[in-house]
Amino acid sequence: MSKIGKINISIPDKVKVLLSGSDINIEGPFGKQSIKINLDVFDLKINEGKDISIKPKKLDDTTKRLWGMNRSLINNAIIGSSVGFEKILELSGVGYRAALKGNKLNLQLGFSHDINFDIPNDIKILVEKQTTIKITGMNKQKVGMIASQIKSFRPPEPYKGKGIREKGQYVLKKEGKKK
């Protein structure tokens, strides 16, 4: 049995969920998403527009693995279309700063050149301070992927802690060389 899969997904008031064929269409204030579910393997029930339950038709090893994952995908789509997802990145280091230039994120990270990052259409990036970047969107996977791409330009190094990190991320610092 899947611990996550057993839990029903509650639907907020401002979100509409429709089942058409094997697609689940989710519409909310942040936008629309659709997810494909294999209805040969799973039973999907929408109870009066208040909650969704997903159950496998027969229990075996492969359906147990997919049960929790499909439930999480539907839940993330509902949360994304109603509230959205956000990640906050912090730049730490002397002279490290970020700025928005049109549809590009300009990063100065101590290299001899600036890094210009193209922002996708469905992701919003705000630079609150010069050292704080806020990434928001309705797709959890895309928000995380964009955050990890930006972090990969200058990952936090272990000696001084300089680099790009998520808010609240702990960087284990090493002791430097001794004489």
Protein backbone atom coordinates (compact mmCIF):
# COMPACT_ATOMS: atom_id res chain seq x y z
CA MET A 1 0.00 0.00 0.00
CA SER A 2 1.15 3.49 -0.77
CA LYS A 3 1.07 5.85 2.21
CA ILE A 4 0.92 8.92 -0.04
CA GLY A 5 -1.47 7.40 -2.58
CA LYS A 6 -4.15 6.61 0.02
CA ILE A 7 -4.60 10.26 1.01
CA ASN A 8 -7.40 12.11 -0.82
CA ILE A 9 -6.50 15.35 -2.61
CA SER A 10 -8.63 18.31 -1.52
CA ILE A 11 -9.63 20.83 -4.20
CA PRO A 12 -9.69 24.54 -3.22
CA ASP A 13 -12.79 26.62 -4.06
CA LYS A 14 -11.15 28.62 -6.86
CA VAL A 15 -9.84 25.54 -8.73
CA LYS A 16 -11.87 23.52 -11.27
CA VAL A 17 -10.94 19.92 -12.08
CA LEU A 18 -12.38 18.11 -15.12
CA LEU A 19 -11.71 14.57 -16.32
CA SER A 20 -11.82 14.21 -20.11
CA GLY A 21 -10.72 10.82 -21.35
CA SER A 22 -7.39 10.03 -19.72
CA ASP A 23 -6.53 13.72 -19.17
CA ILE A 24 -7.14 15.65 -15.98
CA ASN A 25 -7.62 19.35 -16.75
CA ILE A 26 -6.94 21.64 -13.79
CA GLU A 27 -7.86 25.31 -14.06
CA GLY A 28 -7.18 27.94 -11.41
CA PRO A 29 -6.25 31.60 -10.95
CA PHE A 30 -2.59 30.95 -11.91
CA GLY A 31 -3.42 29.09 -15.13
CA LYS A 32 -4.31 25.73 -16.68
CA GLN A 33 -2.52 22.39 -16.50
CA SER A 34 -3.36 18.94 -17.84
CA ILE A 35 -2.00 15.61 -16.65
CA LYS A 36 -2.30 12.24 -18.37
CA ILE A 37 -3.36 9.34 -16.13
CA ASN A 38 -3.48 5.73 -17.29
CA LEU A 39 -7.11 4.80 -16.55
CA ASP A 40 -6.44 1.14 -17.40
CA VAL A 41 -4.35 0.93 -14.22
CA PHE A 42 -6.00 3.50 -11.91
CA ASP A 43 -9.53 4.44 -10.82
CA LEU A 44 -9.94 8.20 -10.45
CA LYS A 45 -12.97 9.65 -8.63
CA ILE A 46 -13.82 13.34 -8.28
CA ASN A 47 -16.20 13.66 -5.31
CA GLU A 48 -18.57 16.64 -5.86
CA GLY A 49 -15.69 18.95 -6.83
CA LYS A 50 -14.29 18.84 -3.27
CA ASP A 51 -11.69 16.09 -3.38
CA ILE A 52 -10.07 13.52 -5.68
CA SER A 53 -9.21 9.93 -4.85
CA ILE A 54 -6.95 7.71 -6.93
CA LYS A 55 -6.78 3.94 -6.43
CA PRO A 56 -5.15 1.15 -8.46
CA LYS A 57 -7.43 -1.44 -10.06
CA LYS A 58 -5.10 -4.27 -9.00
CA LEU A 59 -2.21 -4.14 -6.56
CA ASP A 60 1.20 -5.32 -7.73
CA ASP A 61 4.74 -3.91 -7.51
CA THR A 62 4.52 -1.58 -10.52
CA THR A 63 1.15 -0.08 -9.59
CA LYS A 64 2.31 0.49 -6.00
CA ARG A 65 5.24 2.53 -7.30
CA LEU A 66 3.12 4.59 -9.68
CA TRP A 67 0.25 5.18 -7.23
CA GLY A 68 1.98 7.68 -4.96
CA MET A 69 3.74 9.39 -7.87
CA ASN A 70 0.50 10.00 -9.81
CA ARG A 71 -1.20 11.30 -6.65
CA SER A 72 1.72 13.71 -6.05
CA LEU A 73 1.62 14.94 -9.66
CA ILE A 74 -2.10 15.72 -9.41
CA ASN A 75 -1.64 17.40 -6.02
CA ASN A 76 1.27 19.53 -7.29
CA ALA A 77 -0.78 20.62 -10.31
CA ILE A 78 -3.67 21.68 -8.05
CA ILE A 79 -1.35 23.59 -5.70
CA GLY A 80 0.43 25.18 -8.67
CA SER A 81 -2.76 26.40 -10.32
CA SER A 82 -4.20 27.77 -7.07
CA VAL A 83 -1.20 29.20 -5.17
CA GLY A 84 1.91 28.58 -7.27
CA PHE A 85 5.42 27.57 -6.30
CA GLU A 86 8.39 29.77 -5.45
CA LYS A 87 12.08 29.42 -4.73
CA ILE A 88 14.31 32.16 -3.34
CA LEU A 89 17.98 32.20 -4.26
CA GLU A 90 20.63 34.23 -2.44
CA LEU A 91 23.91 35.43 -3.95
CA SER A 92 26.74 35.66 -1.44
CA GLY A 93 30.14 37.03 -2.40
CA VAL A 94 31.84 40.36 -3.00
CA GLY A 95 30.52 41.96 -6.18
CA TYR A 96 27.92 39.24 -6.84
CA ARG A 97 24.68 40.79 -8.06
CA ALA A 98 21.66 40.13 -10.23
CA ALA A 99 19.52 42.41 -12.40
CA LEU A 100 16.62 41.99 -14.83
CA LYS A 101 17.17 43.29 -18.36
CA GLY A 102 14.01 42.76 -20.36
CA ASN A 103 13.38 39.01 -20.64
CA LYS A 104 16.88 38.11 -19.39
CA LEU A 105 18.41 37.71 -15.95
CA ASN A 106 21.84 39.36 -15.83
CA LEU A 107 24.20 37.81 -13.27
CA GLN A 108 27.58 39.19 -12.20
CA LEU A 109 29.29 36.33 -10.40
CA GLY A 110 32.98 37.24 -10.31
CA PHE A 111 33.76 36.00 -13.81
CA SER A 112 35.34 38.22 -16.44
CA HIS A 113 31.96 38.32 -18.20
CA ASP A 114 28.31 38.72 -17.20
CA ILE A 115 25.97 35.74 -17.50
CA ASN A 116 22.67 36.39 -19.31
CA PHE A 117 20.00 33.78 -18.54
CA ASP A 118 16.89 33.62 -20.76
CA ILE A 119 13.69 33.47 -18.69
CA PRO A 120 11.03 31.01 -19.98
CA ASN A 121 7.51 32.34 -20.68
CA ASP A 122 5.70 30.55 -17.85
CA ILE A 123 8.26 31.43 -15.13
CA LYS A 124 8.45 34.81 -13.38
CA ILE A 125 11.72 36.01 -11.88
CA LEU A 126 11.94 38.99 -9.54
CA VAL A 127 15.15 40.56 -8.25
CA GLU A 128 14.10 42.00 -4.88
CA LYS A 129 17.57 43.14 -3.83
CA GLN A 130 20.69 42.82 -5.92
CA THR A 131 21.52 39.64 -4.02
CA THR A 132 18.07 38.00 -3.82
CA ILE A 133 16.32 36.27 -6.74
CA LYS A 134 12.69 35.08 -6.43
CA ILE A 135 11.54 32.43 -8.94
CA THR A 136 7.78 31.77 -9.17
CA GLY A 137 5.63 29.61 -11.42
CA MET A 138 2.80 27.11 -11.48
CA ASN A 139 4.84 24.04 -12.46
CA LYS A 140 6.90 22.73 -9.52
CA GLN A 141 9.31 20.82 -11.75
CA LYS A 142 10.07 23.84 -13.95
CA VAL A 143 10.58 26.19 -10.98
CA GLY A 144 13.05 23.72 -9.44
CA MET A 145 14.82 23.17 -12.74
CA ILE A 146 15.29 26.91 -13.37
CA ALA A 147 16.54 27.38 -9.79
CA SER A 148 19.07 24.56 -10.19
CA GLN A 149 20.26 25.95 -13.55
CA ILE A 150 20.88 29.36 -11.98
CA LYS A 151 22.60 27.74 -8.97
CA SER A 152 24.88 25.75 -11.30
CA PHE A 153 26.51 28.96 -12.60
CA ARG A 154 28.28 29.42 -9.25
CA PRO A 155 27.60 26.70 -6.65
CA PRO A 156 28.51 27.59 -3.05
CA GLU A 157 32.15 26.78 -2.36
CA PRO A 158 33.10 25.20 0.98
CA TYR A 159 35.89 27.55 2.14
CA LYS A 160 34.31 31.02 2.12
CA GLY A 161 30.70 30.07 1.26
CA LYS A 162 30.63 32.29 -1.84
CA GLY A 163 28.14 31.38 -4.58
CA ILE A 164 24.43 31.01 -5.25
CA ARG A 165 22.37 29.10 -2.69
CA GLU A 166 18.70 28.61 -1.85
CA LYS A 167 17.32 30.56 1.07
CA GLY A 168 17.97 28.60 4.24
CA GLN A 169 20.42 26.17 2.59
CA TYR A 170 23.28 25.26 4.92
CA VAL A 171 26.76 25.13 3.40
CA LEU A 172 29.25 23.03 5.34
CA LYS A 173 32.42 25.11 5.60
CA LYS A 174 35.86 23.52 5.59
CA GLU A 175 38.86 24.72 7.49
CA GLY A 176 41.56 26.31 5.34
CA LYS A 177 45.20 25.27 5.04
CA LYS A 178 47.32 25.66 8.20
CA LYS A 179 50.97 26.68 8.34
